[in-house]
């Protein structure tokens, strides 16, 4: 999958997700590998924004390869196991990373 294709997939998930009553959340996703790139997911005022930029004032940054990220958002990769086995790295608030994982399920 290309980076742009994956970004469209995440945006579709965001459109279907109810963020009403959720606290502010800003997660930067660093996709590694040949089709890699950077984007962020921001939950603010009940809305979810997905943009292909770095987010400097983020709660955390998640670094993962494209294949494992697709498995994660498809529900085929448990985020805790991915973190434990080094398939996913978190820089910042791990609790916010888990909140993000629940949001995209």
N, C-alpha and C. Protein backbone atom coordinates (compact mmCIF):
# COMPACT_ATOMS: atom_id res chain seq x y z
N UNK A 1 0.85 -1.18 0.00
CA UNK A 1 0.00 0.00 0.00
C UNK A 1 0.89 1.24 0.00
N UNK A 2 0.46 2.26 -0.72
CA UNK A 2 1.21 3.50 -0.74
C UNK A 2 0.87 4.32 0.51
N UNK A 3 1.70 5.32 0.79
CA UNK A 3 1.44 6.19 1.93
C UNK A 3 0.12 6.94 1.73
N UNK A 4 -0.11 7.45 0.52
CA UNK A 4 -1.35 8.18 0.25
C UNK A 4 -2.59 7.28 0.41
N UNK A 5 -2.48 6.03 -0.03
CA UNK A 5 -3.58 5.09 0.13
C UNK A 5 -3.87 4.80 1.58
N UNK A 6 -2.82 4.67 2.37
CA UNK A 6 -2.98 4.41 3.79
C UNK A 6 -3.60 5.63 4.48
N UNK A 7 -3.18 6.83 4.08
CA UNK A 7 -3.73 8.05 4.65
C UNK A 7 -5.23 8.15 4.36
N UNK A 8 -5.65 7.80 3.16
CA UNK A 8 -7.08 7.79 2.82
C UNK A 8 -7.84 6.80 3.68
N UNK A 9 -7.23 5.64 3.93
CA UNK A 9 -7.85 4.61 4.75
C UNK A 9 -8.06 5.12 6.18
N UNK A 10 -7.05 5.80 6.73
CA UNK A 10 -7.15 6.34 8.09
C UNK A 10 -8.22 7.43 8.14
N UNK A 11 -8.29 8.26 7.11
CA UNK A 11 -9.32 9.31 7.08
C UNK A 11 -10.72 8.71 7.05
N UNK A 12 -10.91 7.61 6.32
CA UNK A 12 -12.22 6.95 6.28
C UNK A 12 -12.59 6.41 7.66
N UNK A 13 -11.61 5.84 8.35
CA UNK A 13 -11.85 5.35 9.71
C UNK A 13 -12.24 6.52 10.61
N UNK A 14 -11.53 7.63 10.47
CA UNK A 14 -11.79 8.81 11.30
C UNK A 14 -13.20 9.36 11.06
N UNK A 15 -13.66 9.33 9.80
CA UNK A 15 -15.01 9.81 9.49
C UNK A 15 -16.09 8.99 10.17
N UNK A 16 -15.84 7.71 10.35
CA UNK A 16 -16.83 6.80 10.94
C UNK A 16 -16.75 6.74 12.47
N UNK A 17 -15.70 7.33 13.04
CA UNK A 17 -15.46 7.23 14.48
C UNK A 17 -16.11 8.38 15.23
N UNK A 18 -16.82 8.05 16.29
CA UNK A 18 -17.45 9.06 17.13
C UNK A 18 -16.45 9.51 18.19
N UNK A 19 -16.04 10.76 18.13
CA UNK A 19 -15.08 11.30 19.09
C UNK A 19 -15.74 12.22 20.11
N UNK A 20 -17.05 12.17 20.17
CA UNK A 20 -17.79 13.00 21.12
C UNK A 20 -17.38 12.66 22.54
N UNK A 21 -17.07 13.69 23.32
CA UNK A 21 -16.72 13.49 24.72
C UNK A 21 -15.30 13.03 24.96
N UNK A 22 -14.52 12.89 23.92
CA UNK A 22 -13.12 12.47 24.09
C UNK A 22 -12.26 13.68 24.43
N UNK A 23 -11.24 13.43 25.25
CA UNK A 23 -10.28 14.47 25.58
C UNK A 23 -9.39 14.76 24.38
N UNK A 24 -8.71 15.89 24.43
CA UNK A 24 -7.76 16.25 23.38
C UNK A 24 -6.71 15.15 23.24
N UNK A 25 -6.41 14.81 22.00
CA UNK A 25 -5.42 13.78 21.70
C UNK A 25 -4.72 14.16 20.41
N UNK A 26 -3.40 14.18 20.44
CA UNK A 26 -2.62 14.47 19.24
C UNK A 26 -1.51 13.43 19.14
N UNK A 27 -1.61 12.59 18.11
CA UNK A 27 -0.66 11.50 17.92
C UNK A 27 -0.02 11.64 16.54
N UNK A 28 1.29 11.65 16.53
CA UNK A 28 2.01 11.65 15.25
C UNK A 28 2.37 10.21 14.92
N UNK A 29 2.14 9.82 13.68
CA UNK A 29 2.45 8.47 13.23
C UNK A 29 3.61 8.56 12.25
N UNK A 30 4.70 7.87 12.57
CA UNK A 30 5.87 7.80 11.70
C UNK A 30 5.88 6.41 11.06
N UNK A 31 5.60 6.37 9.76
CA UNK A 31 5.61 5.10 9.03
C UNK A 31 6.99 4.92 8.42
N UNK A 32 7.64 3.81 8.76
CA UNK A 32 8.98 3.56 8.26
C UNK A 32 8.94 2.66 7.03
N UNK A 33 10.04 2.60 6.32
CA UNK A 33 10.15 1.72 5.16
C UNK A 33 10.02 2.48 3.86
N UNK A 34 9.98 1.72 2.77
CA UNK A 34 9.95 2.30 1.43
C UNK A 34 8.75 3.21 1.18
N UNK A 35 7.59 2.85 1.68
CA UNK A 35 6.38 3.65 1.47
C UNK A 35 6.06 4.51 2.69
N UNK A 36 7.08 4.89 3.42
CA UNK A 36 6.89 5.60 4.67
C UNK A 36 6.51 7.05 4.53
N UNK A 37 6.24 7.66 5.65
CA UNK A 37 5.88 9.06 5.72
C UNK A 37 5.43 9.41 7.13
N UNK A 38 5.00 10.64 7.30
CA UNK A 38 4.57 11.12 8.61
C UNK A 38 3.20 11.74 8.48
N UNK A 39 2.33 11.46 9.44
CA UNK A 39 1.04 12.14 9.52
C UNK A 39 0.62 12.21 10.98
N UNK A 40 -0.42 12.99 11.23
CA UNK A 40 -0.92 13.04 12.60
C UNK A 40 -2.42 12.85 12.64
N UNK A 41 -2.87 12.41 13.81
CA UNK A 41 -4.29 12.29 14.10
C UNK A 41 -4.54 13.16 15.33
N UNK A 42 -5.49 14.08 15.19
CA UNK A 42 -5.81 14.99 16.28
C UNK A 42 -7.30 14.86 16.61
N UNK A 43 -7.60 14.66 17.89
CA UNK A 43 -8.97 14.66 18.37
C UNK A 43 -9.12 15.93 19.20
N UNK A 44 -10.05 16.77 18.73
CA UNK A 44 -10.25 18.06 19.40
C UNK A 44 -11.69 18.50 19.21
N UNK A 45 -12.34 18.86 20.29
CA UNK A 45 -13.72 19.35 20.25
C UNK A 45 -14.67 18.38 19.54
N UNK A 46 -14.47 17.08 19.75
CA UNK A 46 -15.34 16.07 19.17
C UNK A 46 -15.09 15.75 17.71
N UNK A 47 -14.07 16.34 17.14
CA UNK A 47 -13.71 16.09 15.74
C UNK A 47 -12.37 15.39 15.64
N UNK A 48 -12.19 14.62 14.57
CA UNK A 48 -10.92 13.94 14.32
C UNK A 48 -10.35 14.49 13.02
N UNK A 49 -9.14 14.97 13.10
CA UNK A 49 -8.43 15.48 11.92
C UNK A 49 -7.24 14.58 11.64
N UNK A 50 -7.03 14.28 10.37
CA UNK A 50 -5.89 13.47 9.92
C UNK A 50 -5.18 14.27 8.85
N UNK A 51 -3.92 14.63 9.09
CA UNK A 51 -3.17 15.47 8.16
C UNK A 51 -1.76 14.93 7.96
N UNK A 52 -1.23 15.07 6.73
CA UNK A 52 0.11 14.53 6.43
C UNK A 52 1.24 15.47 6.83
N UNK A 53 1.30 15.82 8.10
CA UNK A 53 2.34 16.72 8.60
C UNK A 53 2.83 16.22 9.95
N UNK A 54 3.97 16.77 10.38
CA UNK A 54 4.43 16.52 11.74
C UNK A 54 3.61 17.38 12.68
N UNK A 55 3.47 16.92 13.92
CA UNK A 55 2.71 17.64 14.93
C UNK A 55 3.65 17.90 16.10
N UNK A 56 4.09 19.13 16.23
CA UNK A 56 5.12 19.45 17.22
C UNK A 56 4.63 19.40 18.66
N UNK A 57 3.37 19.74 18.90
CA UNK A 57 2.83 19.77 20.26
C UNK A 57 1.98 18.53 20.53
N UNK A 58 2.53 17.38 20.23
CA UNK A 58 1.78 16.12 20.30
C UNK A 58 1.87 15.48 21.69
N UNK A 59 0.94 14.56 21.94
CA UNK A 59 1.00 13.77 23.16
C UNK A 59 2.03 12.66 23.05
N UNK A 60 2.13 12.09 21.84
CA UNK A 60 3.09 11.02 21.62
C UNK A 60 3.32 10.84 20.12
N UNK A 61 4.37 10.11 19.81
CA UNK A 61 4.65 9.74 18.42
C UNK A 61 4.79 8.22 18.39
N UNK A 62 4.16 7.62 17.39
CA UNK A 62 4.23 6.17 17.20
C UNK A 62 5.04 5.91 15.95
N UNK A 63 6.02 5.03 16.06
CA UNK A 63 6.83 4.65 14.91
C UNK A 63 6.57 3.17 14.62
N UNK A 64 6.20 2.89 13.37
CA UNK A 64 5.80 1.54 12.98
C UNK A 64 5.96 1.41 11.47
N UNK A 65 6.16 0.20 10.97
CA UNK A 65 6.25 0.05 9.52
C UNK A 65 4.85 -0.07 8.92
N UNK A 66 4.77 0.10 7.61
CA UNK A 66 3.48 0.14 6.90
C UNK A 66 2.68 -1.15 7.11
N UNK A 67 3.33 -2.29 6.98
CA UNK A 67 2.63 -3.57 7.11
C UNK A 67 2.01 -3.71 8.49
N UNK A 68 2.78 -3.43 9.53
CA UNK A 68 2.25 -3.56 10.89
C UNK A 68 1.20 -2.50 11.20
N UNK A 69 1.33 -1.30 10.63
CA UNK A 69 0.30 -0.28 10.86
C UNK A 69 -1.02 -0.71 10.24
N UNK A 70 -0.98 -1.27 9.05
CA UNK A 70 -2.21 -1.77 8.42
C UNK A 70 -2.84 -2.86 9.26
N UNK A 71 -2.02 -3.76 9.80
CA UNK A 71 -2.55 -4.80 10.67
C UNK A 71 -3.17 -4.19 11.93
N UNK A 72 -2.54 -3.16 12.45
CA UNK A 72 -3.04 -2.49 13.65
C UNK A 72 -4.41 -1.88 13.41
N UNK A 73 -4.57 -1.12 12.32
CA UNK A 73 -5.85 -0.46 12.08
C UNK A 73 -6.92 -1.42 11.57
N UNK A 74 -6.49 -2.59 11.07
CA UNK A 74 -7.47 -3.61 10.66
C UNK A 74 -7.85 -4.52 11.82
N UNK A 75 -7.26 -4.30 13.01
CA UNK A 75 -7.57 -5.10 14.18
C UNK A 75 -6.87 -6.45 14.22
N UNK A 76 -5.87 -6.64 13.37
CA UNK A 76 -5.15 -7.91 13.30
C UNK A 76 -3.86 -7.91 14.09
N UNK A 77 -3.51 -6.77 14.69
CA UNK A 77 -2.30 -6.66 15.50
C UNK A 77 -2.66 -5.95 16.79
N UNK A 78 -2.46 -6.62 17.89
CA UNK A 78 -2.73 -6.05 19.20
C UNK A 78 -1.65 -5.00 19.51
N UNK A 79 -2.03 -3.76 19.85
CA UNK A 79 -1.04 -2.72 20.08
C UNK A 79 -0.10 -3.00 21.25
N UNK A 80 -0.59 -3.63 22.30
CA UNK A 80 0.27 -3.94 23.45
C UNK A 80 1.31 -4.98 23.06
N UNK A 81 0.89 -6.02 22.33
CA UNK A 81 1.85 -7.03 21.87
C UNK A 81 2.84 -6.42 20.89
N UNK A 82 2.37 -5.55 20.00
CA UNK A 82 3.26 -4.90 19.03
C UNK A 82 4.32 -4.08 19.76
N UNK A 83 3.91 -3.36 20.81
CA UNK A 83 4.85 -2.58 21.61
C UNK A 83 5.84 -3.49 22.33
N UNK A 84 5.32 -4.55 22.93
CA UNK A 84 6.14 -5.50 23.70
C UNK A 84 7.20 -6.16 22.83
N UNK A 85 6.84 -6.51 21.60
CA UNK A 85 7.77 -7.21 20.71
C UNK A 85 8.56 -6.28 19.81
N UNK A 86 8.47 -4.97 20.03
CA UNK A 86 9.27 -4.01 19.30
C UNK A 86 8.79 -3.69 17.89
N UNK A 87 7.56 -4.07 17.56
CA UNK A 87 7.02 -3.77 16.23
C UNK A 87 6.47 -2.34 16.18
N UNK A 88 6.28 -1.76 17.35
CA UNK A 88 5.72 -0.42 17.49
C UNK A 88 6.51 0.28 18.59
N UNK A 89 6.97 1.49 18.31
CA UNK A 89 7.70 2.27 19.32
C UNK A 89 6.90 3.52 19.64
N UNK A 90 6.92 3.91 20.91
CA UNK A 90 6.20 5.09 21.35
C UNK A 90 7.18 6.06 21.99
N UNK A 91 7.10 7.31 21.52
CA UNK A 91 7.88 8.39 22.11
C UNK A 91 6.87 9.36 22.74
N UNK A 92 6.86 9.43 24.05
CA UNK A 92 5.89 10.29 24.74
C UNK A 92 4.97 9.48 25.62
N UNK A 93 3.75 9.92 25.75
CA UNK A 93 2.75 9.35 26.65
C UNK A 93 2.20 8.03 26.09
N UNK A 94 2.60 6.92 26.70
CA UNK A 94 2.16 5.60 26.25
C UNK A 94 0.66 5.44 26.45
N UNK A 95 0.11 6.04 27.49
CA UNK A 95 -1.33 5.98 27.73
C UNK A 95 -2.11 6.60 26.59
N UNK A 96 -1.62 7.71 26.05
CA UNK A 96 -2.27 8.35 24.90
C UNK A 96 -2.15 7.50 23.65
N UNK A 97 -1.04 6.77 23.52
CA UNK A 97 -0.89 5.85 22.38
C UNK A 97 -1.92 4.74 22.47
N UNK A 98 -2.17 4.23 23.67
CA UNK A 98 -3.20 3.20 23.85
C UNK A 98 -4.60 3.77 23.58
N UNK A 99 -4.82 5.01 23.99
CA UNK A 99 -6.10 5.66 23.71
C UNK A 99 -6.32 5.78 22.20
N UNK A 100 -5.25 6.11 21.47
CA UNK A 100 -5.31 6.18 20.01
C UNK A 100 -5.65 4.81 19.42
N UNK A 101 -5.01 3.77 19.94
CA UNK A 101 -5.25 2.42 19.42
C UNK A 101 -6.71 2.02 19.61
N UNK A 102 -7.31 2.38 20.74
CA UNK A 102 -8.72 2.08 20.97
C UNK A 102 -9.60 2.89 20.03
N UNK A 103 -9.18 4.10 19.72
CA UNK A 103 -9.96 4.97 18.85
C UNK A 103 -10.05 4.42 17.43
N UNK A 104 -8.97 3.82 16.92
CA UNK A 104 -8.98 3.35 15.53
C UNK A 104 -9.54 1.95 15.38
N UNK A 105 -9.83 1.26 16.48
CA UNK A 105 -10.39 -0.09 16.39
C UNK A 105 -11.82 -0.05 15.94
